[in-house]
PDB file of N, CA and C in Angstrom:
ATOM      1  N   MET A   1      14.305  22.429  41.837  1.00  0.00           N
ATOM      2  CA  MET A   1      14.069  22.431  40.413  1.00  0.00           C
ATOM      3  C   MET A   1      12.568  22.371  40.170  1.00  0.00           C
ATOM      4  N   ASN A   2      12.108  23.244  39.281  1.00  0.00           N
ATOM      5  CA  ASN A   2      10.693  23.273  38.932  1.00  0.00           C
ATOM      6  C   ASN A   2      10.459  22.421  37.695  1.00  0.00           C
ATOM      7  N   THR A   3       9.372  21.688  37.683  1.00  0.00           N
ATOM      8  CA  THR A   3       9.022  20.889  36.516  1.00  0.00           C
ATOM      9  C   THR A   3       7.969  21.623  35.707  1.00  0.00           C
ATOM     10  N   ILE A   4       8.008  21.429  34.412  1.00  0.00           N
ATOM     11  CA  ILE A   4       7.031  22.049  33.526  1.00  0.00           C
ATOM     12  C   ILE A   4       6.046  20.970  33.105  1.00  0.00           C
ATOM     13  N   ALA A   5       4.783  21.234  33.284  1.00  0.00           N
ATOM     14  CA  ALA A   5       3.750  20.269  32.919  1.00  0.00           C
ATOM     15  C   ALA A   5       2.582  21.001  32.289  1.00  0.00           C
ATOM     16  N   ALA A   6       1.832  20.308  31.479  1.00  0.00           N
ATOM     17  CA  ALA A   6       0.646  20.890  30.863  1.00  0.00           C
ATOM     18  C   ALA A   6      -0.433  21.046  31.909  1.00  0.00           C
ATOM     19  N   ARG A   7      -1.074  22.211  31.903  1.00  0.00           N
ATOM     20  CA  ARG A   7      -2.107  22.472  32.905  1.00  0.00           C
ATOM     21  C   ARG A   7      -3.498  22.151  32.377  1.00  0.00           C
ATOM     22  N   HIS A   8      -3.624  22.037  31.062  1.00  0.00           N
ATOM     23  CA  HIS A   8      -4.934  21.768  30.483  1.00  0.00           C
ATOM     24  C   HIS A   8      -4.914  20.419  29.783  1.00  0.00           C
ATOM     25  N   ALA A   9      -5.999  19.718  29.850  1.00  0.00           N
ATOM     26  CA  ALA A   9      -6.097  18.401  29.211  1.00  0.00           C
ATOM     27  C   ALA A   9      -6.015  18.516  27.693  1.00  0.00           C
ATOM     28  N   ALA A  10      -6.470  19.627  27.125  1.00  0.00           N
ATOM     29  CA  ALA A  10      -6.446  19.794  25.669  1.00  0.00           C
ATOM     30  C   ALA A  10      -5.022  19.894  25.139  1.00  0.00           C
ATOM     31  N   VAL A  11      -4.092  20.308  25.954  1.00  0.00           N
ATOM     32  CA  VAL A  11      -2.709  20.450  25.530  1.00  0.00           C
ATOM     33  C   VAL A  11      -2.015  19.091  25.497  1.00  0.00           C
ATOM     34  N   THR A  12      -2.376  18.217  26.395  1.00  0.00           N
ATOM     35  CA  THR A  12      -1.756  16.903  26.492  1.00  0.00           C
ATOM     36  C   THR A  12      -2.348  15.992  25.427  1.00  0.00           C
ATOM     37  N   ALA A  13      -1.472  15.431  24.597  1.00  0.00           N
ATOM     38  CA  ALA A  13      -1.923  14.546  23.525  1.00  0.00           C
ATOM     39  C   ALA A  13      -2.338  13.196  24.093  1.00  0.00           C
ATOM     40  N   ALA A  14      -3.236  12.545  23.376  1.00  0.00           N
ATOM     41  CA  ALA A  14      -3.660  11.204  23.772  1.00  0.00           C
ATOM     42  C   ALA A  14      -2.513  10.225  23.536  1.00  0.00           C
ATOM     43  N   LEU A  15      -2.491   9.186  24.316  1.00  0.00           N
ATOM     44  CA  LEU A  15      -1.439   8.183  24.162  1.00  0.00           C
ATOM     45  C   LEU A  15      -1.631   7.408  22.867  1.00  0.00           C
ATOM     46  N   PHE A  16      -0.555   7.172  22.164  1.00  0.00           N
ATOM     47  CA  PHE A  16      -0.585   6.399  20.924  1.00  0.00           C
ATOM     48  C   PHE A  16      -0.008   5.032  21.224  1.00  0.00           C
ATOM     49  N   ASP A  17      -0.780   3.987  20.976  1.00  0.00           N
ATOM     50  CA  ASP A  17      -0.321   2.643  21.327  1.00  0.00           C
ATOM     51  C   ASP A  17       0.579   2.027  20.256  1.00  0.00           C
ATOM     52  N   GLY A  18       0.717   2.666  19.086  1.00  0.00           N
ATOM     53  CA  GLY A  18       1.620   2.184  18.054  1.00  0.00           C
ATOM     54  C   GLY A  18       1.061   1.092  17.169  1.00  0.00           C
ATOM     55  N   GLU A  19      -0.139   0.674  17.401  1.00  0.00           N
ATOM     56  CA  GLU A  19      -0.751  -0.392  16.602  1.00  0.00           C
ATOM     57  C   GLU A  19      -1.714   0.208  15.586  1.00  0.00           C
ATOM     58  N   PRO A  20      -1.790  -0.374  14.382  1.00  0.00           N
ATOM     59  CA  PRO A  20      -2.745   0.132  13.391  1.00  0.00           C
ATOM     60  C   PRO A  20      -4.176  -0.212  13.796  1.00  0.00           C
ATOM     61  N   SER A  21      -5.086   0.651  13.376  1.00  0.00           N
ATOM     62  CA  SER A  21      -6.493   0.406  13.684  1.00  0.00           C
ATOM     63  C   SER A  21      -7.038  -0.683  12.759  1.00  0.00           C
ATOM     64  N   ASP A  22      -8.245  -1.114  13.050  1.00  0.00           N
ATOM     65  CA  ASP A  22      -8.883  -2.135  12.218  1.00  0.00           C
ATOM     66  C   ASP A  22      -9.122  -1.622  10.800  1.00  0.00           C
ATOM     67  N   VAL A  23      -9.447  -0.350  10.665  1.00  0.00           N
ATOM     68  CA  VAL A  23      -9.674   0.236   9.350  1.00  0.00           C
ATOM     69  C   VAL A  23      -8.370   0.242   8.549  1.00  0.00           C
ATOM     70  N   GLU A  24      -7.266   0.595   9.204  1.00  0.00           N
ATOM     71  CA  GLU A  24      -5.969   0.593   8.527  1.00  0.00           C
ATOM     72  C   GLU A  24      -5.560  -0.816   8.119  1.00  0.00           C
ATOM     73  N   LEU A  25      -5.807  -1.797   8.970  1.00  0.00           N
ATOM     74  CA  LEU A  25      -5.494  -3.182   8.633  1.00  0.00           C
ATOM     75  C   LEU A  25      -6.329  -3.676   7.452  1.00  0.00           C
ATOM     76  N   ASP A  26      -7.599  -3.270   7.401  1.00  0.00           N
ATOM     77  CA  ASP A  26      -8.457  -3.648   6.278  1.00  0.00           C
ATOM     78  C   ASP A  26      -7.958  -3.024   4.975  1.00  0.00           C
ATOM     79  N   ALA A  27      -7.488  -1.772   5.043  1.00  0.00           N
ATOM     80  CA  ALA A  27      -6.957  -1.115   3.842  1.00  0.00           C
ATOM     81  C   ALA A  27      -5.686  -1.810   3.362  1.00  0.00           C
ATOM     82  N   ILE A  28      -4.841  -2.207   4.280  1.00  0.00           N
ATOM     83  CA  ILE A  28      -3.618  -2.926   3.920  1.00  0.00           C
ATOM     84  C   ILE A  28      -3.968  -4.269   3.290  1.00  0.00           C
ATOM     85  N   GLU A  29      -4.934  -4.960   3.859  1.00  0.00           N
ATOM     86  CA  GLU A  29      -5.367  -6.254   3.324  1.00  0.00           C
ATOM     87  C   GLU A  29      -5.924  -6.098   1.912  1.00  0.00           C
ATOM     88  N   LEU A  30      -6.643  -5.022   1.671  1.00  0.00           N
ATOM     89  CA  LEU A  30      -7.213  -4.764   0.354  1.00  0.00           C
ATOM     90  C   LEU A  30      -6.114  -4.486  -0.676  1.00  0.00           C
ATOM     91  N   GLU A  31      -5.054  -3.799  -0.258  1.00  0.00           N
ATOM     92  CA  GLU A  31      -3.972  -3.423  -1.171  1.00  0.00           C
ATOM     93  C   GLU A  31      -2.852  -4.465  -1.239  1.00  0.00           C
ATOM     94  N   MET A  32      -2.954  -5.553  -0.508  1.00  0.00           N
ATOM     95  CA  MET A  32      -1.870  -6.533  -0.440  1.00  0.00           C
ATOM     96  C   MET A  32      -1.464  -7.110  -1.804  1.00  0.00           C
ATOM     97  N   PRO A  33      -2.376  -7.439  -2.720  1.00  0.00           N
ATOM     98  CA  PRO A  33      -1.917  -7.932  -4.030  1.00  0.00           C
ATOM     99  C   PRO A  33      -1.042  -6.923  -4.773  1.00  0.00           C
ATOM    100  N   ALA A  34      -1.376  -5.640  -4.704  1.00  0.00           N
ATOM    101  CA  ALA A  34      -0.562  -4.614  -5.360  1.00  0.00           C
ATOM    102  C   ALA A  34       0.788  -4.469  -4.661  1.00  0.00           C
ATOM    103  N   ILE A  35       0.805  -4.565  -3.358  1.00  0.00           N
ATOM    104  CA  ILE A  35       2.056  -4.470  -2.600  1.00  0.00           C
ATOM    105  C   ILE A  35       2.977  -5.629  -2.962  1.00  0.00           C
ATOM    106  N   LEU A  36       2.436  -6.835  -3.002  1.00  0.00           N
ATOM    107  CA  LEU A  36       3.253  -8.005  -3.334  1.00  0.00           C
ATOM    108  C   LEU A  36       3.750  -7.945  -4.780  1.00  0.00           C
ATOM    109  N   ALA A  37       2.938  -7.415  -5.684  1.00  0.00           N
ATOM    110  CA  ALA A  37       3.374  -7.263  -7.075  1.00  0.00           C
ATOM    111  C   ALA A  37       4.536  -6.270  -7.163  1.00  0.00           C
ATOM    112  N   ASP A  38       4.490  -5.210  -6.376  1.00  0.00           N
ATOM    113  CA  ASP A  38       5.600  -4.254  -6.348  1.00  0.00           C
ATOM    114  C   ASP A  38       6.871  -4.892  -5.804  1.00  0.00           C
ATOM    115  N   VAL A  39       6.728  -5.760  -4.818  1.00  0.00           N
ATOM    116  CA  VAL A  39       7.892  -6.456  -4.258  1.00  0.00           C
ATOM    117  C   VAL A  39       8.522  -7.374  -5.308  1.00  0.00           C
ATOM    118  N   VAL A  40       7.701  -8.075  -6.070  1.00  0.00           N
ATOM    119  CA  VAL A  40       8.214  -8.953  -7.130  1.00  0.00           C
ATOM    120  C   VAL A  40       8.948  -8.135  -8.186  1.00  0.00           C
ATOM    121  N   LEU A  41       8.396  -6.984  -8.554  1.00  0.00           N
ATOM    122  CA  LEU A  41       9.052  -6.115  -9.533  1.00  0.00           C
ATOM    123  C   LEU A  41      10.394  -5.616  -9.003  1.00  0.00           C
ATOM    124  N   LEU A  42      10.429  -5.192  -7.756  1.00  0.00           N
ATOM    125  CA  LEU A  42      11.692  -4.740  -7.166  1.00  0.00           C
ATOM    126  C   LEU A  42      12.721  -5.858  -7.123  1.00  0.00           C
ATOM    127  N   ASP A  43      12.292  -7.061  -6.787  1.00  0.00           N
ATOM    128  CA  ASP A  43      13.218  -8.200  -6.777  1.00  0.00           C
ATOM    129  C   ASP A  43      13.804  -8.441  -8.167  1.00  0.00           C
ATOM    130  N   ALA A  44      12.950  -8.367  -9.193  1.00  0.00           N
ATOM    131  CA  ALA A  44      13.429  -8.585 -10.561  1.00  0.00           C
ATOM    132  C   ALA A  44      14.405  -7.490 -10.977  1.00  0.00           C
ATOM    133  N   GLN A  45      14.139  -6.259 -10.574  1.00  0.00           N
ATOM    134  CA  GLN A  45      15.037  -5.159 -10.917  1.00  0.00           C
ATOM    135  C   GLN A  45      16.345  -5.230 -10.137  1.00  0.00           C
ATOM    136  N   ILE A  46      16.272  -5.618  -8.880  1.00  0.00           N
ATOM    137  CA  ILE A  46      17.481  -5.717  -8.056  1.00  0.00           C
ATOM    138  C   ILE A  46      18.423  -6.787  -8.593  1.00  0.00           C
ATOM    139  N   MET A  47      17.878  -7.872  -9.110  1.00  0.00           N
ATOM    140  CA  MET A  47      18.724  -8.940  -9.640  1.00  0.00           C
ATOM    141  C   MET A  47      19.568  -8.480 -10.817  1.00  0.00           C
ATOM    142  N   THR A  48      19.117  -7.441 -11.515  1.00  0.00           N
ATOM    143  CA  THR A  48      19.841  -6.996 -12.711  1.00  0.00           C
ATOM    144  C   THR A  48      20.679  -5.746 -12.475  1.00  0.00           C
ATOM    145  N   ILE A  49      20.830  -5.318 -11.244  1.00  0.00           N
ATOM    146  CA  ILE A  49      21.565  -4.079 -10.966  1.00  0.00           C
ATOM    147  C   ILE A  49      23.033  -4.186 -11.355  1.00  0.00           C
ATOM    148  N   ASP A  50      23.691  -5.252 -10.976  1.00  0.00           N
ATOM    149  CA  ASP A  50      25.139  -5.334 -11.145  1.00  0.00           C
ATOM    150  C   ASP A  50      25.572  -6.208 -12.323  1.00  0.00           C
ATOM    151  N   ARG A  51      24.659  -6.487 -13.248  1.00  0.00           N
ATOM    152  CA  ARG A  51      25.029  -7.279 -14.419  1.00  0.00           C
ATOM    153  C   ARG A  51      24.193  -6.858 -15.605  1.00  0.00           C
ATOM    154  N   THR A  52      24.609  -7.258 -16.753  1.00  0.00           N
ATOM    155  CA  THR A  52      23.843  -6.970 -17.961  1.00  0.00           C
ATOM    156  C   THR A  52      22.620  -7.884 -17.996  1.00  0.00           C
ATOM    157  N   PRO A  53      21.424  -7.301 -18.114  1.00  0.00           N
ATOM    158  CA  PRO A  53      20.216  -8.137 -18.107  1.00  0.00           C
ATOM    159  C   PRO A  53      20.146  -9.041 -19.340  1.00  0.00           C
ATOM    160  N   THR A  54      19.760 -10.272 -19.112  1.00  0.00           N
ATOM    161  CA  THR A  54      19.548 -11.224 -20.195  1.00  0.00           C
ATOM    162  C   THR A  54      18.113 -11.101 -20.686  1.00  0.00           C
ATOM    163  N   GLU A  55      17.787 -11.839 -21.723  1.00  0.00           N
ATOM    164  CA  GLU A  55      16.414 -11.841 -22.226  1.00  0.00           C
ATOM    165  C   GLU A  55      15.456 -12.374 -21.166  1.00  0.00           C
ATOM    166  N   LEU A  56      15.886 -13.347 -20.405  1.00  0.00           N
ATOM    167  CA  LEU A  56      15.071 -13.879 -19.319  1.00  0.00           C
ATOM    168  C   LEU A  56      14.795 -12.810 -18.260  1.00  0.00           C
ATOM    169  N   ASP A  57      15.799 -11.995 -17.962  1.00  0.00           N
ATOM    170  CA  ASP A  57      15.608 -10.907 -17.002  1.00  0.00           C
ATOM    171  C   ASP A  57      14.586  -9.894 -17.525  1.00  0.00           C
ATOM    172  N   HIS A  58      14.693  -9.558 -18.804  1.00  0.00           N
ATOM    173  CA  HIS A  58      13.725  -8.633 -19.400  1.00  0.00           C
ATOM    174  C   HIS A  58      12.311  -9.200 -19.330  1.00  0.00           C
ATOM    175  N   GLN A  59      12.166 -10.475 -19.597  1.00  0.00           N
ATOM    176  CA  GLN A  59      10.848 -11.111 -19.517  1.00  0.00           C
ATOM    177  C   GLN A  59      10.319 -11.089 -18.089  1.00  0.00           C
ATOM    178  N   ARG A  60      11.195 -11.368 -17.134  1.00  0.00           N
ATOM    179  CA  ARG A  60      10.801 -11.373 -15.724  1.00  0.00           C
ATOM    180  C   ARG A  60      10.321  -9.985 -15.294  1.00  0.00           C
ATOM    181  N   ILE A  61      11.032  -8.945 -15.725  1.00  0.00           N
ATOM    182  CA  ILE A  61      10.640  -7.573 -15.366  1.00  0.00           C
ATOM    183  C   ILE A  61       9.320  -7.195 -16.036  1.00  0.00           C
ATOM    184  N   ARG A  62       9.170  -7.539 -17.318  1.00  0.00           N
ATOM    185  CA  ARG A  62       7.909  -7.238 -18.008  1.00  0.00           C
ATOM    186  C   ARG A  62       6.741  -7.959 -17.346  1.00  0.00           C
ATOM    187  N   ARG A  63       6.944  -9.211 -16.984  1.00  0.00           N
ATOM    188  CA  ARG A  63       5.891  -9.983 -16.329  1.00  0.00           C
ATOM    189  C   ARG A  63       5.526  -9.355 -14.980  1.00  0.00           C
ATOM    190  N   ALA A  64       6.529  -8.920 -14.245  1.00  0.00           N
ATOM    191  CA  ALA A  64       6.283  -8.292 -12.946  1.00  0.00           C
ATOM    192  C   ALA A  64       5.551  -6.964 -13.113  1.00  0.00           C
ATOM    193  N   ARG A  65       5.906  -6.186 -14.145  1.00  0.00           N
ATOM    194  CA  ARG A  65       5.199  -4.929 -14.402  1.00  0.00           C
ATOM    195  C   ARG A  65       3.733  -5.188 -14.758  1.00  0.00           C
ATOM    196  N   ARG A  66       3.499  -6.179 -15.598  1.00  0.00           N
ATOM    197  CA  ARG A  66       2.112  -6.509 -15.965  1.00  0.00           C
ATOM    198  C   ARG A  66       1.321  -6.977 -14.744  1.00  0.00           C
ATOM    199  N   ARG A  67       1.961  -7.744 -13.886  1.00  0.00           N
ATOM    200  CA  ARG A  67       1.285  -8.218 -12.673  1.00  0.00           C
ATOM    201  C   ARG A  67       0.932  -7.035 -11.771  1.00  0.00           C
ATOM    202  N   GLY A  68       1.847  -6.084 -11.655  1.00  0.00           N
ATOM    203  CA  GLY A  68       1.578  -4.894 -10.843  1.00  0.00           C
ATOM    204  C   GLY A  68       0.455  -4.052 -11.419  1.00  0.00           C
ATOM    205  N   LEU A  69       0.470  -3.866 -12.738  1.00  0.00           N
ATOM    206  CA  LEU A  69      -0.605  -3.101 -13.376  1.00  0.00           C
ATOM    207  C   LEU A  69      -1.957  -3.790 -13.208  1.00  0.00           C
ATOM    208  N   ALA A  70      -1.968  -5.105 -13.346  1.00  0.00           N
ATOM    209  CA  ALA A  70      -3.221  -5.845 -13.175  1.00  0.00           C
ATOM    210  C   ALA A  70      -3.733  -5.746 -11.739  1.00  0.00           C
ATOM    211  N   ALA A  71      -2.829  -5.818 -10.778  1.00  0.00           N
ATOM    212  CA  ALA A  71      -3.231  -5.719  -9.374  1.00  0.00           C
ATOM    213  C   ALA A  71      -3.783  -4.333  -9.073  1.00  0.00           C
ATOM    214  N   ARG A  72      -3.157  -3.293  -9.617  1.00  0.00           N
ATOM    215  CA  ARG A  72      -3.646  -1.929  -9.392  1.00  0.00           C
ATOM    216  C   ARG A  72      -4.975  -1.692 -10.113  1.00  0.00           C
ATOM    217  N   ARG A  73      -5.131  -2.286 -11.306  1.00  0.00           N
ATOM    218  CA  ARG A  73      -6.398  -2.178 -12.021  1.00  0.00           C
ATOM    219  C   ARG A  73      -7.521  -2.831 -11.222  1.00  0.00           C
ATOM    220  N   ASP A  74      -7.258  -4.035 -10.717  1.00  0.00           N
ATOM    221  CA  ASP A  74      -8.268  -4.730  -9.923  1.00  0.00           C
ATOM    222  C   ASP A  74      -8.617  -3.952  -8.661  1.00  0.00           C
ATOM    223  N   LEU A  75      -7.599  -3.359  -8.041  1.00  0.00           N
ATOM    224  CA  LEU A  75      -7.835  -2.554  -6.843  1.00  0.00           C
ATOM    225  C   LEU A  75      -8.681  -1.333  -7.176  1.00  0.00           C
ATOM    226  N   ALA A  76      -8.376  -0.655  -8.281  1.00  0.00           N
ATOM    227  CA  ALA A  76      -9.147   0.522  -8.684  1.00  0.00           C
ATOM    228  C   ALA A  76     -10.590   0.137  -9.023  1.00  0.00           C
ATOM    229  N   ASN A  77     -10.766  -0.977  -9.722  1.00  0.00           N
ATOM    230  CA  ASN A  77     -12.117  -1.424 -10.061  1.00  0.00           C
ATOM    231  C   ASN A  77     -12.894  -1.818  -8.816  1.00  0.00           C
ATOM    232  N   ARG A  78     -12.230  -2.450  -7.864  1.00  0.00           N
ATOM    233  CA  ARG A  78     -12.896  -2.877  -6.639  1.00  0.00           C
ATOM    234  C   ARG A  78     -13.332  -1.657  -5.824  1.00  0.00           C
ATOM    235  N   THR A  79     -12.462  -0.664  -5.692  1.00  0.00           N
ATOM    236  CA  THR A  79     -12.829   0.524  -4.912  1.00  0.00           C
ATOM    237  C   THR A  79     -13.867   1.359  -5.646  1.00  0.00           C
ATOM    238  N   ALA A  80     -13.814   1.399  -6.985  1.00  0.00           N
ATOM    239  CA  ALA A  80     -14.832   2.126  -7.738  1.00  0.00           C
ATOM    240  C   ALA A  80     -16.179   1.452  -7.596  1.00  0.00           C
ATOM    241  N   ALA A  81     -16.211   0.141  -7.603  1.00  0.00           N
ATOM    242  CA  ALA A  81     -17.471  -0.585  -7.428  1.00  0.00           C
ATOM    243  C   ALA A  81     -18.013  -0.375  -6.024  1.00  0.00           C
ATOM    244  N   THR A  82     -17.136  -0.324  -5.047  1.00  0.00           N
ATOM    245  CA  THR A  82     -17.546  -0.100  -3.671  1.00  0.00           C
ATOM    246  C   THR A  82     -18.110   1.312  -3.510  1.00  0.00           C
ATOM    247  N   ASP A  83     -17.473   2.293  -4.138  1.00  0.00           N
ATOM    248  CA  ASP A  83     -17.941   3.672  -4.062  1.00  0.00           C
ATOM    249  C   ASP A  83     -19.301   3.831  -4.717  1.00  0.00           C
ATOM    250  N   THR A  84     -19.525   3.151  -5.828  1.00  0.00           N
ATOM    251  CA  THR A  84     -20.783   3.243  -6.544  1.00  0.00           C
ATOM    252  C   THR A  84     -21.917   2.631  -5.722  1.00  0.00           C
ATOM    253  N   THR A  85     -21.689   1.486  -5.117  1.00  0.00           N
ATOM    254  CA  THR A  85     -22.730   0.850  -4.336  1.00  0.00           C
ATOM    255  C   THR A  85     -22.974   1.593  -3.034  1.00  0.00           C
ATOM    256  N   ALA A  86     -21.932   2.213  -2.476  1.00  0.00           N
ATOM    257  CA  ALA A  86     -22.087   2.937  -1.223  1.00  0.00           C
ATOM    258  C   ALA A  86     -22.873   4.235  -1.433  1.00  0.00           C
ATOM    259  N   SER A  87     -22.722   4.847  -2.613  1.00  0.00           N
ATOM    260  CA  SER A  87     -23.405   6.116  -2.855  1.00  0.00           C
ATOM    261  C   SER A  87     -24.800   5.929  -3.442  1.00  0.00           C
ATOM    262  N   GLY A  88     -25.198   4.713  -3.699  1.00  0.00           N
ATOM    263  CA  GLY A  88     -26.535   4.453  -4.191  1.00  0.00           C
ATOM    264  C   GLY A  88     -26.620   4.299  -5.693  1.00  0.00           C
ATOM    265  N   GLY A  89     -25.511   4.210  -6.373  1.00  0.00           N
ATOM    266  CA  GLY A  89     -25.522   4.003  -7.816  1.00  0.00           C
ATOM    267  C   GLY A  89     -25.481   5.294  -8.584  1.00  0.00           C
ATOM    268  N   ALA A  90     -25.609   5.158  -9.891  1.00  0.00           N
ATOM    269  CA  ALA A  90     -25.562   6.334 -10.775  1.00  0.00           C
ATOM    270  C   ALA A  90     -26.834   7.141 -10.635  1.00  0.00           C
ATOM    271  N   ALA A  91     -26.719   8.425 -10.864  1.00  0.00           N
ATOM    272  CA  ALA A  91     -27.874   9.322 -10.687  1.00  0.00           C
ATOM    273  C   ALA A  91     -28.785   9.306 -11.844  1.00  0.00           C
TER     274      ALA A  91
END
């Protein structure tokens, strides 16, 4: 039986260790407040799937939506401020 193997190093892909890089971990850490806010919103929505939502449920969902919007706003402002300082400011 003949085996088939790559004859050139360019054809063989580099090994992937399955771990995120430091840059990816930093990006996840930066987005963590928005991720957690989305989890809270999903939890509030899941609780009301199989029943009629009460006023308390509506308040919980609205609060979770506001928390998510605030987290995304803060993330956008933080990255915009970082981009401005990295590029040297306004022209």
